[in-house]
């Protein structure tokens, strides 16, 4: 029998793929790649769902640290927000899921690899590119895309065969991972429709306002309130705080990999908080042009990652520049949390370039005289002065 590995989420589309591919003569192995956001109960439920719909063998891969090391660290260090809003909650995790699924496929001797993406979204591109680049010997199977299957049809297929339909299969497409949760479907397709209350209003039982302190080493968060934590665990704890306070909730409209516009709702309190805190620390320790060029390249980096092109060698070059820029991005940031909002209220670093012994903005200085400042201002006006004279002529 032919053997394939299916990147399995436990949701409706991948639950459909298992019996459908089995009926086509495939021995289907399911691979759930945990990139964060799944509890122990979730993992058990996903394994049960895989078995119930006919998986020959289910494989669970813990890829949380890999996601942090390979992707999230650069998204933080690069302050990457697509459209200045969205922290790429899905893109990095999909690429890692593809990488891990390839490892499982090779381990079990599969001749094909499958995913449950539709033909309308970004995920199909992310999976396909990773599979084609890293495993060209494997056949790629995409039942949902090939059939043009609608969610109602997938539900009916499972029900006809008395196979379990995942809970909430007809409502939204929900992706929950290390770097945030996204919602697609329903209200997101109408650009005038607002999100549901749970994506707008802070929880009624949100805790009282408090402050937290984040420790940083070379642009990577390493501690929370003095406790050293590995990246995924630190993000998980911040995510729990963000959920309790209702932080990081928003809506994003932007370009998709296929060139059309897309709209999603998301909750990514940990991601937005870390990026904001990191940016403020960078302002303290980097020069103006370090920050400028790093931000230009990091935006390009995020765009390529979002569209599935993680394997472009240019991204390795940009990662090298980002890593170089972070050598002095160490210190602490103080962040105030309150229901529905947060604010970075303090930063400190042994590499701070805000030196009161040199000058205090707007008050006094020790490196130049008033006359030198006057001359600087006079000379600085020359390009605009010349341009204005030409305009008047």
Protein backbone atom coordinates (compact mmCIF):
# COMPACT_ATOMS: atom_id res chain seq x y z
CA UNK A 1 0.00 0.00 0.00
CA UNK A 2 1.17 3.53 -0.75
CA UNK A 3 2.09 5.51 2.35
CA UNK A 4 1.62 9.23 2.94
CA UNK A 5 2.01 11.63 5.85
CA UNK A 6 -0.70 14.23 6.41
CA UNK A 7 0.03 17.46 8.29
CA UNK A 8 -2.88 17.07 10.71
CA UNK A 9 -4.50 19.77 12.83
CA UNK A 10 -7.50 17.85 14.15
CA UNK A 11 -9.82 20.32 12.40
CA UNK A 12 -12.47 19.72 9.78
CA UNK A 13 -10.35 19.81 6.62
CA UNK A 14 -7.61 17.46 7.80
CA UNK A 15 -10.21 15.16 9.41
CA UNK A 16 -11.81 14.85 5.97
CA UNK A 17 -8.46 14.15 4.32
CA UNK A 18 -7.75 10.98 6.32
CA UNK A 19 -10.72 8.84 5.17
CA UNK A 20 -10.67 10.38 1.70
CA UNK A 21 -7.01 9.53 1.09
CA UNK A 22 -7.51 6.09 2.63
CA UNK A 23 -10.28 5.48 0.10
CA UNK A 24 -7.81 6.41 -2.65
CA UNK A 25 -5.51 3.59 -1.56
CA UNK A 26 -3.15 5.45 0.78
CA UNK A 27 -1.95 4.34 4.19
CA UNK A 28 -2.33 7.64 6.00
CA UNK A 29 -0.04 8.64 8.85
CA UNK A 30 -1.08 11.83 10.63
CA UNK A 31 1.48 14.28 12.02
CA UNK A 32 0.41 16.95 14.49
CA UNK A 33 3.18 19.53 14.91
CA UNK A 34 2.75 21.41 18.18
CA UNK A 35 3.95 24.96 17.56
CA UNK A 36 2.40 26.26 20.78
CA UNK A 37 -1.09 26.95 22.01
CA UNK A 38 -2.09 23.31 22.55
CA UNK A 39 -2.72 21.98 26.04
CA UNK A 40 -2.19 18.38 27.10
CA UNK A 41 -5.94 17.85 26.75
CA UNK A 42 -5.83 19.34 23.25
CA UNK A 43 -3.07 16.94 22.23
CA UNK A 44 -5.07 13.98 23.53
CA UNK A 45 -8.18 15.14 21.68
CA UNK A 46 -6.25 15.56 18.43
CA UNK A 47 -4.77 12.06 18.74
CA UNK A 48 -8.26 10.63 19.39
CA UNK A 49 -9.65 12.46 16.36
CA UNK A 50 -6.86 11.12 14.16
CA UNK A 51 -7.54 7.56 15.26
CA UNK A 52 -11.31 7.98 14.93
CA UNK A 53 -11.13 9.11 11.30
CA UNK A 54 -8.77 6.26 10.34
CA UNK A 55 -5.14 7.30 10.81
CA UNK A 56 -2.82 4.30 10.45
CA UNK A 57 -0.50 5.91 12.98
CA UNK A 58 -0.49 9.30 14.66
CA UNK A 59 2.74 11.22 15.25
CA UNK A 60 2.98 14.14 17.71
CA UNK A 61 5.94 16.49 17.24
CA UNK A 62 6.87 19.16 19.78
CA UNK A 63 8.29 21.99 17.67
CA UNK A 64 7.81 24.93 20.04
CA UNK A 65 11.51 25.52 20.65
CA UNK A 66 12.26 25.14 16.95
CA UNK A 67 9.64 27.78 16.10
CA UNK A 68 11.19 30.16 18.60
CA UNK A 69 14.80 29.55 17.55
CA UNK A 70 14.22 29.54 13.80
CA UNK A 71 11.53 32.19 13.41
CA UNK A 72 10.17 34.00 16.45
CA UNK A 73 13.53 35.33 17.64
CA UNK A 74 13.98 37.18 14.34
CA UNK A 75 10.39 38.44 14.34
CA UNK A 76 11.05 39.98 17.77
CA UNK A 77 14.51 41.31 16.91
CA UNK A 78 13.16 42.71 13.64
CA UNK A 79 10.02 44.22 15.26
CA UNK A 80 8.09 42.55 12.42
CA UNK A 81 4.46 43.62 12.10
CA UNK A 82 2.70 43.13 8.78
CA UNK A 83 0.77 46.23 7.88
CA UNK A 84 2.18 47.77 11.10
CA UNK A 85 -0.45 45.69 12.94
CA UNK A 86 -0.21 41.91 12.58
CA UNK A 87 2.68 39.91 14.14
CA UNK A 88 2.72 37.02 11.61
CA UNK A 89 1.05 34.65 14.04
CA UNK A 90 0.59 31.86 11.47
CA UNK A 91 3.30 32.17 8.80
CA UNK A 92 6.30 31.03 10.84
CA UNK A 93 4.38 28.16 12.41
CA UNK A 94 3.13 26.80 9.08
CA UNK A 95 6.67 26.67 7.71
CA UNK A 96 7.84 24.75 10.79
CA UNK A 97 4.88 22.38 10.49
CA UNK A 98 5.95 21.66 6.93
CA UNK A 99 9.55 21.06 8.02
CA UNK A 100 8.48 18.67 10.78
CA UNK A 101 6.02 16.82 8.52
CA UNK A 102 8.86 16.18 6.06
CA UNK A 103 10.94 14.67 8.88
CA UNK A 104 8.07 12.33 9.79
CA UNK A 105 7.55 11.37 6.15
CA UNK A 106 11.17 10.36 5.76
CA UNK A 107 11.18 8.52 9.08
CA UNK A 108 8.22 6.30 8.08
CA UNK A 109 9.31 5.83 4.47
CA UNK A 110 6.40 7.71 2.92
CA UNK A 111 6.27 8.41 -0.81
CA UNK A 112 3.87 11.33 -0.48
CA UNK A 113 3.05 14.20 1.85
CA UNK A 114 -0.32 15.91 2.24
CA UNK A 115 -1.94 19.00 3.69
CA UNK A 116 -5.52 20.17 4.09
CA UNK A 117 -5.24 23.72 2.77
CA UNK A 118 -7.81 25.22 0.44
CA UNK A 119 -6.94 26.80 -2.90
CA UNK A 120 -7.77 30.30 -1.66
CA UNK A 121 -5.37 31.01 1.20
CA UNK A 122 -1.74 31.50 2.12
CA UNK A 123 -1.18 28.15 3.83
CA UNK A 124 -1.21 26.14 0.61
CA UNK A 125 1.68 28.25 -0.69
CA UNK A 126 3.66 27.89 2.53
CA UNK A 127 3.28 24.12 2.60
CA UNK A 128 3.86 23.62 -1.13
CA UNK A 129 7.03 25.72 -1.26
CA UNK A 130 8.56 23.94 1.74
CA UNK A 131 7.67 20.52 0.34
CA UNK A 132 8.99 21.30 -3.15
CA UNK A 133 12.23 22.87 -1.92
CA UNK A 134 13.15 20.36 0.79
CA UNK A 135 11.47 17.14 -0.34
CA UNK A 136 11.12 17.16 -4.14
CA UNK A 137 11.03 13.37 -4.13
CA UNK A 138 7.67 13.32 -2.30
CA UNK A 139 4.35 13.57 -4.12
CA UNK A 140 2.18 16.40 -2.75
CA UNK A 141 -1.46 15.52 -2.06
CA UNK A 142 -4.03 18.29 -1.48
CA UNK A 143 -7.56 16.83 -1.39
CA UNK A 144 -9.38 19.97 -0.22
CA UNK A 145 -7.78 22.11 -2.92
CA UNK A 146 -8.11 19.52 -5.68
CA UNK A 147 -11.80 18.91 -4.95
CA UNK A 148 -12.63 22.57 -4.30
CA UNK A 149 -14.40 21.26 -1.21
CA UNK A 150 -16.63 23.52 0.89
CA UNK A 151 -16.88 23.12 4.67
CA UNK A 152 -20.49 21.91 4.44
CA UNK A 153 -19.44 19.16 2.03
CA UNK A 154 -16.63 18.00 4.31
CA UNK A 155 -19.05 17.84 7.25
CA UNK A 156 -21.52 15.84 5.18
CA UNK A 157 -18.78 13.42 4.04
CA UNK A 158 -17.80 12.64 7.63
CA UNK A 159 -21.40 12.36 8.84
CA UNK A 160 -22.33 9.97 6.03
CA UNK A 161 -19.56 7.64 7.18
CA UNK A 162 -20.44 8.09 10.84
CA UNK A 163 -17.05 9.66 11.54
CA UNK A 164 -16.69 12.39 14.19
CA UNK A 165 -16.97 16.00 13.05
CA UNK A 166 -14.65 18.30 15.03
CA UNK A 167 -16.41 20.73 17.37
CA UNK A 168 -17.26 24.16 15.88
CA UNK A 169 -16.36 22.87 12.42
CA UNK A 170 -18.86 25.12 10.70
CA UNK A 171 -18.12 28.40 12.45
CA UNK A 172 -14.60 29.79 11.93
CA UNK A 173 -11.16 28.71 10.91
CA UNK A 174 -9.16 29.16 14.11
CA UNK A 175 -5.38 28.87 14.33
CA UNK A 176 -3.83 28.91 17.78
CA UNK A 177 -0.07 28.80 18.20
CA UNK A 178 2.94 30.11 20.06
CA UNK A 179 2.82 33.54 18.41
CA UNK A 180 -0.94 34.15 18.69
CA UNK A 181 -4.42 33.08 17.63
CA UNK A 182 -6.17 34.05 14.39
CA UNK A 183 -9.79 33.83 13.26
CA UNK A 184 -10.92 33.54 9.63
CA UNK A 185 -14.37 33.19 8.13
CA UNK A 186 -17.75 34.66 9.02
CA UNK A 187 -17.52 38.37 9.85
CA UNK A 188 -13.93 38.64 8.54
CA UNK A 189 -15.20 38.43 4.93
CA UNK A 190 -17.20 41.65 5.31
CA UNK A 191 -14.82 44.59 5.68
CA UNK A 192 -17.56 46.70 7.31
CA UNK A 193 -18.51 44.05 9.86
CA UNK A 194 -17.00 44.39 13.30
CA UNK A 195 -15.52 41.56 15.33
CA UNK A 196 -17.46 39.75 18.06
CA UNK A 197 -17.38 41.12 21.58
CA UNK A 198 -14.73 38.67 22.76
CA UNK A 199 -12.30 40.22 20.29
CA UNK A 200 -13.12 43.80 21.30
CA UNK A 201 -13.99 44.10 24.96
CA UNK A 202 -11.50 43.29 27.74
CA UNK A 203 -12.65 40.49 30.06
CA UNK A 204 -15.09 41.64 32.74
CA UNK A 205 -12.98 39.84 35.35
CA UNK A 206 -9.62 41.24 34.19
CA UNK A 207 -7.05 41.61 37.00
CA UNK A 208 -6.08 44.95 38.50
CA UNK A 209 -3.34 46.90 36.69
CA UNK A 210 0.21 45.76 37.41
CA UNK A 211 3.75 46.06 36.09
CA UNK A 212 6.07 43.37 34.81
CA UNK A 213 9.81 43.43 34.04
CA UNK A 214 11.25 41.69 31.00
CA UNK A 215 14.95 40.83 30.82
CA UNK A 216 16.74 40.87 27.47
CA UNK A 217 20.01 39.49 26.11
CA UNK A 218 21.05 40.46 22.59
CA UNK A 219 17.49 41.17 21.55
CA UNK A 220 16.01 37.96 22.96
CA UNK A 221 13.65 37.92 25.96
CA UNK A 222 15.20 35.74 28.66
CA UNK A 223 13.36 36.49 31.91
CA UNK A 224 10.04 37.60 33.37
CA UNK A 225 10.05 39.40 36.72
CA UNK A 226 13.53 38.12 37.44
CA UNK A 227 12.82 34.47 36.62
CA UNK A 228 14.90 33.06 33.77
CA UNK A 229 12.70 31.30 31.19
CA UNK A 230 13.19 29.59 27.86
CA UNK A 231 11.61 31.46 24.96
CA UNK A 232 8.48 29.32 24.46
CA UNK A 233 7.67 29.23 28.19
CA UNK A 234 8.16 32.99 28.55
CA UNK A 235 5.82 33.58 25.61
CA UNK A 236 3.26 31.15 27.05
CA UNK A 237 3.21 33.01 30.37
CA UNK A 238 2.93 36.37 28.64
CA UNK A 239 0.15 34.91 26.50
CA UNK A 240 -1.76 33.89 29.61
CA UNK A 241 -1.35 37.41 31.02
CA UNK A 242 -2.40 38.92 27.73
CA UNK A 243 -5.53 36.77 27.63
CA UNK A 244 -6.43 37.69 31.21
CA UNK A 245 -6.12 41.42 30.44
CA UNK A 246 -7.59 41.24 26.92
CA UNK A 247 -4.37 42.44 25.23
CA UNK A 248 -3.30 42.24 21.61
CA UNK A 249 -6.73 41.95 20.00
CA UNK A 250 -7.15 43.48 16.56
CA UNK A 251 -8.18 43.08 12.93
CA UNK A 252 -5.79 43.00 9.97
CA UNK A 253 -6.43 43.56 6.26
CA UNK A 254 -3.54 42.91 3.89
CA UNK A 255 -2.12 41.30 0.80
CA UNK A 256 -2.13 37.52 0.54
CA UNK A 257 0.47 35.39 -1.22
CA UNK A 258 -1.96 35.05 -4.15
CA UNK A 259 -2.29 38.80 -4.61
CA UNK A 260 -5.82 39.21 -3.27
CA UNK A 261 -6.80 41.04 -0.09
CA UNK A 262 -7.43 39.06 3.07
CA UNK A 263 -8.89 39.94 6.48
CA UNK A 264 -8.45 38.20 9.81
CA UNK A 265 -9.08 38.79 13.47
CA UNK A 266 -6.32 37.97 15.90
CA UNK A 267 -5.29 37.90 19.55
CA UNK A 268 -1.53 38.07 20.10
CA UNK A 269 -0.87 39.80 23.39
CA UNK A 270 2.53 38.21 24.00
CA UNK A 271 3.78 38.99 20.50
CA UNK A 272 2.70 42.62 20.48
CA UNK A 273 3.96 43.23 24.01
CA UNK A 274 7.38 41.74 23.27
CA UNK A 275 7.79 43.63 20.00
CA UNK A 276 6.81 46.92 21.65
CA UNK A 277 9.17 46.37 24.59
CA UNK A 278 12.01 45.29 22.32
CA UNK A 279 11.58 48.32 20.09
CA UNK A 280 11.82 50.69 23.07
CA UNK A 281 14.99 48.98 24.28
CA UNK A 282 16.49 49.27 20.80
CA UNK A 283 15.78 52.99 20.75
CA UNK A 284 18.01 53.30 23.81
CA UNK A 285 21.01 51.38 22.51
CA UNK A 286 21.10 51.54 18.68
CA UNK A 287 22.19 54.41 16.48
CA UNK A 288 19.63 56.06 14.22
CA UNK A 289 20.91 54.38 11.07
CA UNK A 290 21.24 50.96 12.68
CA UNK A 291 17.56 51.12 13.51
CA UNK A 292 16.58 52.53 10.12
CA UNK A 293 18.28 49.91 7.95
CA UNK A 294 17.42 47.02 10.21
CA UNK A 295 13.74 48.00 10.10
CA UNK A 296 13.72 48.29 6.29
CA UNK A 297 15.20 44.83 5.84
CA UNK A 298 13.11 43.29 8.63
CA UNK A 299 9.92 44.44 6.88
CA UNK A 300 11.05 42.72 3.68
CA UNK A 301 11.95 39.65 5.78
CA UNK A 302 8.46 39.53 7.25
CA UNK A 303 6.81 39.92 3.86
CA UNK A 304 8.77 37.03 2.35
CA UNK A 305 8.16 34.79 5.35
CA UNK A 306 4.43 35.61 5.29
CA UNK A 307 4.24 34.56 1.64
CA UNK A 308 6.04 31.25 2.21
CA UNK A 309 9.49 32.17 0.89
CA UNK A 310 11.48 31.39 4.03
CA UNK A 311 14.03 29.45 1.96
CA UNK A 312 15.16 32.44 -0.12
CA UNK A 313 18.92 32.85 0.67
CA UNK A 314 18.32 36.59 1.05
CA UNK A 315 16.58 35.86 4.33
CA UNK A 316 19.72 34.24 5.73
CA UNK A 317 21.64 37.41 4.86
CA UNK A 318 19.03 39.56 6.60
CA UNK A 319 19.11 37.30 9.66
CA UNK A 320 22.86 37.84 9.84
CA UNK A 321 22.41 41.62 9.77
CA UNK A 322 19.63 41.48 12.38
CA UNK A 323 21.77 39.29 14.67
CA UNK A 324 24.70 41.69 14.31
CA UNK A 325 22.49 44.67 15.19
CA UNK A 326 21.39 43.00 18.43
CA UNK A 327 24.80 42.68 20.13
CA UNK A 328 24.01 45.55 22.55
CA UNK A 329 20.25 45.09 22.83
CA UNK A 330 20.46 43.82 26.41
CA UNK A 331 18.86 45.16 29.56
CA UNK A 332 15.37 45.37 31.03
CA UNK A 333 12.00 46.79 30.05
CA UNK A 334 9.21 47.68 32.45
CA UNK A 335 5.68 47.21 31.11
CA UNK A 336 2.40 48.26 32.71
CA UNK A 337 -0.57 45.98 32.08
CA UNK A 338 -4.17 47.13 32.41
CA UNK A 339 -7.48 45.78 31.06
CA UNK A 340 -7.38 46.12 27.29
CA UNK A 341 -4.03 47.93 27.03
CA UNK A 342 -0.35 47.92 27.93
CA UNK A 343 2.42 50.52 27.97
CA UNK A 344 6.20 50.28 28.03
CA UNK A 345 6.98 52.65 30.91
CA UNK A 346 10.72 52.11 31.46
CA UNK A 347 13.90 50.78 29.87
CA UNK A 348 17.46 50.42 31.09
CA UNK A 349 20.63 48.94 29.66
CA UNK A 350 24.37 48.93 30.37
CA UNK A 351 24.70 49.99 26.71
CA UNK A 352 22.34 52.96 26.93
CA UNK A 353 23.25 55.83 24.59
CA UNK A 354 21.10 58.25 26.59
CA UNK A 355 23.97 59.63 28.69
CA UNK A 356 23.09 62.44 31.09
CA UNK A 357 26.78 63.18 31.61
CA UNK A 358 26.92 64.31 27.95
CA UNK A 359 23.65 66.15 27.46
CA UNK A 360 20.04 66.34 28.60
CA UNK A 361 17.60 66.86 25.74
CA UNK A 362 16.17 70.37 25.72
CA UNK A 363 18.12 71.50 28.79
CA UNK A 364 21.92 71.39 28.83
CA UNK A 365 24.95 69.88 27.10
CA UNK A 366 28.66 69.41 27.67
CA UNK A 367 29.94 68.36 24.23
CA UNK A 368 29.25 71.62 22.37
CA UNK A 369 28.74 75.28 22.99
CA UNK A 370 25.75 77.45 22.20
CA UNK A 371 27.68 79.10 19.37
CA UNK A 372 28.52 75.69 17.86
CA UNK A 373 24.86 74.67 18.04
CA UNK A 374 23.91 77.91 16.30
CA UNK A 375 26.42 77.24 13.51
CA UNK A 376 25.18 73.65 13.15
CA UNK A 377 21.60 74.84 12.72
CA UNK A 378 22.69 77.48 10.19
CA UNK A 379 24.64 74.99 8.05
CA UNK A 380 21.87 72.38 8.33
CA UNK A 381 19.44 74.77 6.64
CA UNK A 382 21.54 75.13 3.47
CA UNK A 383 19.96 72.37 1.26
CA UNK A 384 16.42 73.60 1.93
CA UNK A 385 17.53 77.22 1.55
CA UNK A 386 18.98 76.54 -1.90
CA UNK A 387 15.92 74.56 -2.98
CA UNK A 388 13.61 77.35 -1.83
CA UNK A 389 15.66 79.96 -3.78
CA UNK A 390 15.34 77.89 -6.94
CA UNK A 391 11.59 77.54 -6.40
CA UNK A 392 11.21 81.30 -6.03
CA UNK A 393 13.08 81.90 -9.30
